[in-house]
Amino acid sequence: MTNVNTNSSNLNLLFHPAAHYDSPAEVLNAKELSTPEKRIILSSWASDMYTVESCPALREIPGMGHTVRLADILAALRKLDGDNDNDDPPRGGGVPMRLRRPWAAVEGRSA
């Protein structure tokens, strides 16, 4: 028995979003998608499951005829979070520090 309310094109949209969106920008601009739905699609695209072999900065999404840059996907995810100011990934950080050598402390010398 089939459900009369189930439309195969709606199911295709849910299970194969790449067939309907050609870029991270298109996902961001899709009025029919909620923010959580956009996040799900973009996060799935960023997954290592779609990494192009020997080129981890690219994603090969089933249903798309081209590769997508991981940087573009991550930038779109940041825009969903309201971070529109900076398209660069956050810098690694902290203040560099020198660790004392354990034997220097025992001998009473500084590092």
N, C-alpha and C. Protein backbone atom coordinates (compact mmCIF):
# COMPACT_ATOMS: atom_id res chain seq x y z
N MET A 1 0.85 -1.18 0.00
CA MET A 1 0.00 0.00 0.00
C MET A 1 0.89 1.24 0.00
N THR A 2 0.61 2.19 -0.85
CA THR A 2 1.42 3.40 -0.91
C THR A 2 0.70 4.55 -0.23
N ASN A 3 1.45 5.46 0.26
CA ASN A 3 0.91 6.64 0.91
C ASN A 3 0.62 7.66 -0.18
N VAL A 4 -0.62 8.13 -0.27
CA VAL A 4 -0.99 9.07 -1.32
C VAL A 4 -0.32 10.43 -1.12
N ASN A 5 0.13 10.71 0.09
CA ASN A 5 0.79 11.99 0.37
C ASN A 5 2.28 11.97 0.05
N THR A 6 2.81 10.81 -0.27
CA THR A 6 4.24 10.69 -0.57
C THR A 6 4.46 10.95 -2.04
N ASN A 7 5.30 11.91 -2.30
CA ASN A 7 5.63 12.28 -3.67
C ASN A 7 7.09 11.90 -3.91
N SER A 8 7.37 11.17 -4.96
CA SER A 8 8.74 10.70 -5.20
C SER A 8 9.72 11.84 -5.38
N SER A 9 9.28 12.97 -5.93
CA SER A 9 10.22 14.09 -6.08
C SER A 9 10.57 14.70 -4.73
N ASN A 10 9.62 14.69 -3.77
CA ASN A 10 9.93 15.17 -2.43
C ASN A 10 10.92 14.24 -1.75
N LEU A 11 10.77 12.94 -1.94
CA LEU A 11 11.71 12.00 -1.36
C LEU A 11 13.08 12.16 -1.97
N ASN A 12 13.14 12.38 -3.27
CA ASN A 12 14.42 12.58 -3.93
C ASN A 12 15.11 13.83 -3.38
N LEU A 13 14.34 14.88 -3.11
CA LEU A 13 14.90 16.10 -2.55
C LEU A 13 15.51 15.84 -1.18
N LEU A 14 14.84 15.02 -0.36
CA LEU A 14 15.33 14.73 0.98
C LEU A 14 16.57 13.84 0.96
N PHE A 15 16.56 12.81 0.13
CA PHE A 15 17.64 11.84 0.15
C PHE A 15 18.78 12.15 -0.81
N HIS A 16 18.54 12.99 -1.80
CA HIS A 16 19.57 13.34 -2.77
C HIS A 16 19.56 14.85 -3.02
N PRO A 17 19.91 15.64 -2.00
CA PRO A 17 19.82 17.10 -2.17
C PRO A 17 20.75 17.65 -3.24
N ALA A 18 21.83 16.97 -3.54
CA ALA A 18 22.75 17.46 -4.57
C ALA A 18 22.09 17.48 -5.93
N ALA A 19 21.08 16.66 -6.12
CA ALA A 19 20.38 16.64 -7.39
C ALA A 19 19.59 17.94 -7.59
N HIS A 20 19.39 18.70 -6.51
CA HIS A 20 18.60 19.92 -6.59
C HIS A 20 19.40 21.18 -6.31
N TYR A 21 20.58 21.04 -5.74
CA TYR A 21 21.41 22.18 -5.42
C TYR A 21 22.79 21.95 -6.01
N ASP A 22 23.30 22.94 -6.69
CA ASP A 22 24.54 22.79 -7.43
C ASP A 22 25.76 23.38 -6.73
N SER A 23 25.52 24.08 -5.62
CA SER A 23 26.64 24.72 -4.92
C SER A 23 26.22 25.05 -3.50
N PRO A 24 27.19 25.29 -2.63
CA PRO A 24 26.85 25.72 -1.27
C PRO A 24 26.04 27.02 -1.26
N ALA A 25 26.33 27.92 -2.19
CA ALA A 25 25.58 29.18 -2.27
C ALA A 25 24.11 28.93 -2.59
N GLU A 26 23.84 27.97 -3.47
CA GLU A 26 22.45 27.64 -3.78
C GLU A 26 21.72 27.08 -2.57
N VAL A 27 22.42 26.29 -1.77
CA VAL A 27 21.80 25.77 -0.55
C VAL A 27 21.48 26.93 0.39
N LEU A 28 22.42 27.85 0.57
CA LEU A 28 22.19 29.00 1.45
C LEU A 28 21.01 29.85 0.99
N ASN A 29 20.84 29.98 -0.31
CA ASN A 29 19.80 30.84 -0.86
C ASN A 29 18.45 30.15 -1.04
N ALA A 30 18.38 28.85 -0.77
CA ALA A 30 17.14 28.10 -0.97
C ALA A 30 16.09 28.51 0.05
N LYS A 31 15.05 29.16 -0.40
CA LYS A 31 13.97 29.64 0.49
C LYS A 31 13.15 28.49 1.07
N GLU A 32 13.13 27.36 0.37
CA GLU A 32 12.30 26.24 0.82
C GLU A 32 12.94 25.43 1.94
N LEU A 33 14.21 25.72 2.25
CA LEU A 33 14.91 24.98 3.29
C LEU A 33 15.01 25.79 4.58
N SER A 34 14.85 25.12 5.70
CA SER A 34 15.07 25.77 6.99
C SER A 34 16.57 25.80 7.25
N THR A 35 16.97 26.59 8.23
CA THR A 35 18.39 26.65 8.59
C THR A 35 18.94 25.28 9.00
N PRO A 36 18.21 24.52 9.83
CA PRO A 36 18.72 23.17 10.16
C PRO A 36 18.86 22.26 8.93
N GLU A 37 17.94 22.36 7.98
CA GLU A 37 18.03 21.55 6.76
C GLU A 37 19.25 21.96 5.94
N LYS A 38 19.51 23.25 5.85
CA LYS A 38 20.69 23.72 5.13
C LYS A 38 21.95 23.20 5.81
N ARG A 39 21.97 23.24 7.13
CA ARG A 39 23.13 22.77 7.89
C ARG A 39 23.36 21.28 7.66
N ILE A 40 22.29 20.50 7.60
CA ILE A 40 22.40 19.06 7.36
C ILE A 40 23.01 18.79 5.99
N ILE A 41 22.52 19.48 4.99
CA ILE A 41 23.03 19.28 3.62
C ILE A 41 24.50 19.67 3.53
N LEU A 42 24.82 20.86 4.01
CA LEU A 42 26.20 21.34 3.92
C LEU A 42 27.15 20.49 4.75
N SER A 43 26.71 20.07 5.92
CA SER A 43 27.56 19.22 6.76
C SER A 43 27.82 17.88 6.10
N SER A 44 26.79 17.34 5.47
CA SER A 44 26.99 16.06 4.78
C SER A 44 27.97 16.22 3.62
N TRP A 45 27.89 17.34 2.92
CA TRP A 45 28.83 17.59 1.82
C TRP A 45 30.26 17.73 2.33
N ALA A 46 30.43 18.28 3.52
CA ALA A 46 31.77 18.47 4.09
C ALA A 46 32.36 17.17 4.61
N SER A 47 31.55 16.16 4.73
CA SER A 47 31.99 14.89 5.28
C SER A 47 33.17 14.31 4.51
N ASP A 48 34.04 13.62 5.25
CA ASP A 48 35.18 12.94 4.62
C ASP A 48 34.73 11.85 3.65
N MET A 49 33.49 11.44 3.79
CA MET A 49 32.95 10.39 2.92
C MET A 49 33.04 10.82 1.44
N TYR A 50 32.97 12.12 1.19
CA TYR A 50 32.97 12.62 -0.19
C TYR A 50 34.31 13.20 -0.62
N THR A 51 35.35 13.02 0.18
CA THR A 51 36.67 13.56 -0.15
C THR A 51 37.19 12.95 -1.45
N VAL A 52 37.72 13.81 -2.30
CA VAL A 52 38.34 13.34 -3.54
C VAL A 52 39.69 12.74 -3.16
N GLU A 53 39.91 11.52 -3.60
CA GLU A 53 41.17 10.84 -3.29
C GLU A 53 42.34 11.67 -3.75
N SER A 54 43.33 11.81 -2.92
CA SER A 54 44.55 12.58 -3.17
C SER A 54 44.33 14.08 -3.24
N CYS A 55 43.13 14.54 -2.89
CA CYS A 55 42.86 15.98 -2.89
C CYS A 55 41.82 16.29 -1.82
N PRO A 56 42.22 16.31 -0.55
CA PRO A 56 41.26 16.46 0.54
C PRO A 56 40.54 17.80 0.58
N ALA A 57 40.97 18.78 -0.19
CA ALA A 57 40.30 20.08 -0.21
C ALA A 57 39.08 20.09 -1.12
N LEU A 58 38.84 18.98 -1.83
CA LEU A 58 37.69 18.89 -2.74
C LEU A 58 36.74 17.80 -2.29
N ARG A 59 35.47 18.00 -2.61
CA ARG A 59 34.44 17.01 -2.32
C ARG A 59 33.76 16.64 -3.63
N GLU A 60 33.53 15.34 -3.81
CA GLU A 60 32.83 14.83 -4.98
C GLU A 60 31.49 14.31 -4.49
N ILE A 61 30.43 15.09 -4.73
CA ILE A 61 29.10 14.80 -4.21
C ILE A 61 28.32 14.01 -5.27
N PRO A 62 27.76 12.86 -4.89
CA PRO A 62 26.97 12.09 -5.85
C PRO A 62 25.83 12.95 -6.42
N GLY A 63 25.66 12.89 -7.72
CA GLY A 63 24.61 13.64 -8.37
C GLY A 63 25.07 14.97 -8.94
N MET A 64 26.26 15.42 -8.52
CA MET A 64 26.81 16.66 -9.06
C MET A 64 27.80 16.30 -10.16
N GLY A 65 27.83 17.11 -11.17
CA GLY A 65 28.75 16.86 -12.28
C GLY A 65 30.10 17.51 -12.09
N HIS A 66 30.36 18.08 -10.92
CA HIS A 66 31.62 18.77 -10.65
C HIS A 66 31.99 18.60 -9.19
N THR A 67 33.24 18.90 -8.87
CA THR A 67 33.67 18.85 -7.48
C THR A 67 33.35 20.18 -6.80
N VAL A 68 33.31 20.13 -5.47
CA VAL A 68 33.02 21.32 -4.68
C VAL A 68 34.18 21.52 -3.71
N ARG A 69 34.62 22.75 -3.57
CA ARG A 69 35.72 23.04 -2.64
C ARG A 69 35.22 22.97 -1.19
N LEU A 70 35.96 22.29 -0.35
CA LEU A 70 35.62 22.21 1.06
C LEU A 70 35.57 23.60 1.67
N ALA A 71 36.46 24.48 1.27
CA ALA A 71 36.48 25.86 1.80
C ALA A 71 35.16 26.57 1.53
N ASP A 72 34.54 26.33 0.37
CA ASP A 72 33.25 26.95 0.05
C ASP A 72 32.13 26.40 0.95
N ILE A 73 32.19 25.10 1.21
CA ILE A 73 31.19 24.47 2.07
C ILE A 73 31.32 25.02 3.49
N LEU A 74 32.55 25.09 3.99
CA LEU A 74 32.77 25.59 5.35
C LEU A 74 32.40 27.06 5.47
N ALA A 75 32.66 27.85 4.43
CA ALA A 75 32.27 29.27 4.44
C ALA A 75 30.75 29.40 4.51
N ALA A 76 30.04 28.54 3.78
CA ALA A 76 28.57 28.56 3.82
C ALA A 76 28.06 28.19 5.21
N LEU A 77 28.68 27.21 5.84
CA LEU A 77 28.29 26.83 7.20
C LEU A 77 28.54 27.98 8.17
N ARG A 78 29.64 28.71 8.01
CA ARG A 78 29.91 29.86 8.88
C ARG A 78 28.86 30.95 8.67
N LYS A 79 28.41 31.14 7.44
CA LYS A 79 27.37 32.14 7.18
C LYS A 79 26.06 31.76 7.87
N LEU A 80 25.78 30.47 7.93
CA LEU A 80 24.58 30.03 8.66
C LEU A 80 24.69 30.39 10.14
N ASP A 81 25.92 30.41 10.65
CA ASP A 81 26.14 30.75 12.05
C ASP A 81 26.22 32.25 12.27
N GLY A 82 26.08 33.03 11.20
CA GLY A 82 26.11 34.48 11.31
C GLY A 82 27.50 35.08 11.25
N ASP A 83 28.49 34.29 10.88
CA ASP A 83 29.86 34.79 10.77
C ASP A 83 30.11 35.18 9.32
N ASN A 84 29.68 36.36 8.95
CA ASN A 84 29.83 36.83 7.58
C ASN A 84 31.08 37.66 7.37
N ASP A 85 31.76 38.00 8.46
CA ASP A 85 32.90 38.90 8.37
C ASP A 85 34.15 38.26 7.80
N ASN A 86 34.35 36.99 8.08
CA ASN A 86 35.64 36.38 7.76
C ASN A 86 35.44 35.05 7.06
N ASP A 87 35.88 34.97 5.82
CA ASP A 87 35.77 33.71 5.08
C ASP A 87 36.97 32.82 5.27
N ASP A 88 37.97 33.28 6.04
CA ASP A 88 39.14 32.46 6.30
C ASP A 88 38.88 31.59 7.52
N PRO A 89 39.48 30.41 7.54
CA PRO A 89 39.31 29.57 8.73
C PRO A 89 39.98 30.22 9.93
N PRO A 90 39.49 29.92 11.12
CA PRO A 90 40.10 30.52 12.29
C PRO A 90 41.57 30.13 12.42
N ARG A 91 42.36 31.05 12.90
CA ARG A 91 43.78 30.77 13.08
C ARG A 91 44.00 29.89 14.29
N GLY A 92 45.02 29.05 14.18
CA GLY A 92 45.43 28.30 15.35
C GLY A 92 45.99 29.31 16.32
N GLY A 93 45.96 28.99 17.57
CA GLY A 93 46.40 30.10 18.38
C GLY A 93 46.92 29.74 19.73
N GLY A 94 46.95 30.76 20.47
CA GLY A 94 47.52 30.67 21.79
C GLY A 94 48.91 31.27 21.79
N VAL A 95 49.37 31.54 22.95
CA VAL A 95 50.71 32.10 23.11
C VAL A 95 51.70 30.95 23.09
N PRO A 96 52.73 31.05 22.25
CA PRO A 96 53.72 29.98 22.25
C PRO A 96 54.47 29.98 23.58
N MET A 97 54.81 28.81 24.03
CA MET A 97 55.56 28.73 25.27
C MET A 97 56.60 27.64 25.19
N ARG A 98 57.67 27.84 25.91
CA ARG A 98 58.72 26.83 25.97
C ARG A 98 58.50 25.99 27.20
N LEU A 99 58.53 24.72 27.00
CA LEU A 99 58.42 23.81 28.13
C LEU A 99 59.82 23.55 28.68
N ARG A 100 59.90 23.48 29.97
CA ARG A 100 61.20 23.19 30.58
C ARG A 100 61.54 21.73 30.33
N ARG A 101 62.78 21.48 30.14
CA ARG A 101 63.22 20.10 30.02
C ARG A 101 63.19 19.49 31.41
N PRO A 102 62.63 18.31 31.57
CA PRO A 102 62.50 17.72 32.91
C PRO A 102 63.84 17.59 33.62
N TRP A 103 64.89 17.25 32.89
CA TRP A 103 66.19 17.06 33.54
C TRP A 103 66.79 18.39 34.00
N ALA A 104 66.37 19.51 33.35
CA ALA A 104 66.89 20.81 33.77
C ALA A 104 66.39 21.18 35.16
N ALA A 105 65.15 20.82 35.46
CA ALA A 105 64.59 21.12 36.78
C ALA A 105 65.31 20.31 37.86
N VAL A 106 65.63 19.07 37.54
CA VAL A 106 66.31 18.22 38.49
C VAL A 106 67.72 18.75 38.80
N GLU A 107 68.39 19.23 37.76
CA GLU A 107 69.74 19.71 37.91
C GLU A 107 69.79 21.15 38.40
N GLY A 108 68.62 21.79 38.50
CA GLY A 108 68.57 23.17 39.00
C GLY A 108 68.91 24.20 37.96
N ARG A 109 68.89 23.84 36.67
CA ARG A 109 69.17 24.78 35.60
C ARG A 109 67.86 25.23 34.96
N SER A 110 67.87 26.40 34.37
CA SER A 110 66.69 26.86 33.64
C SER A 110 66.74 26.31 32.22
N ALA A 111 65.59 26.33 31.55
CA ALA A 111 65.49 25.78 30.21
C ALA A 111 66.22 26.60 29.20
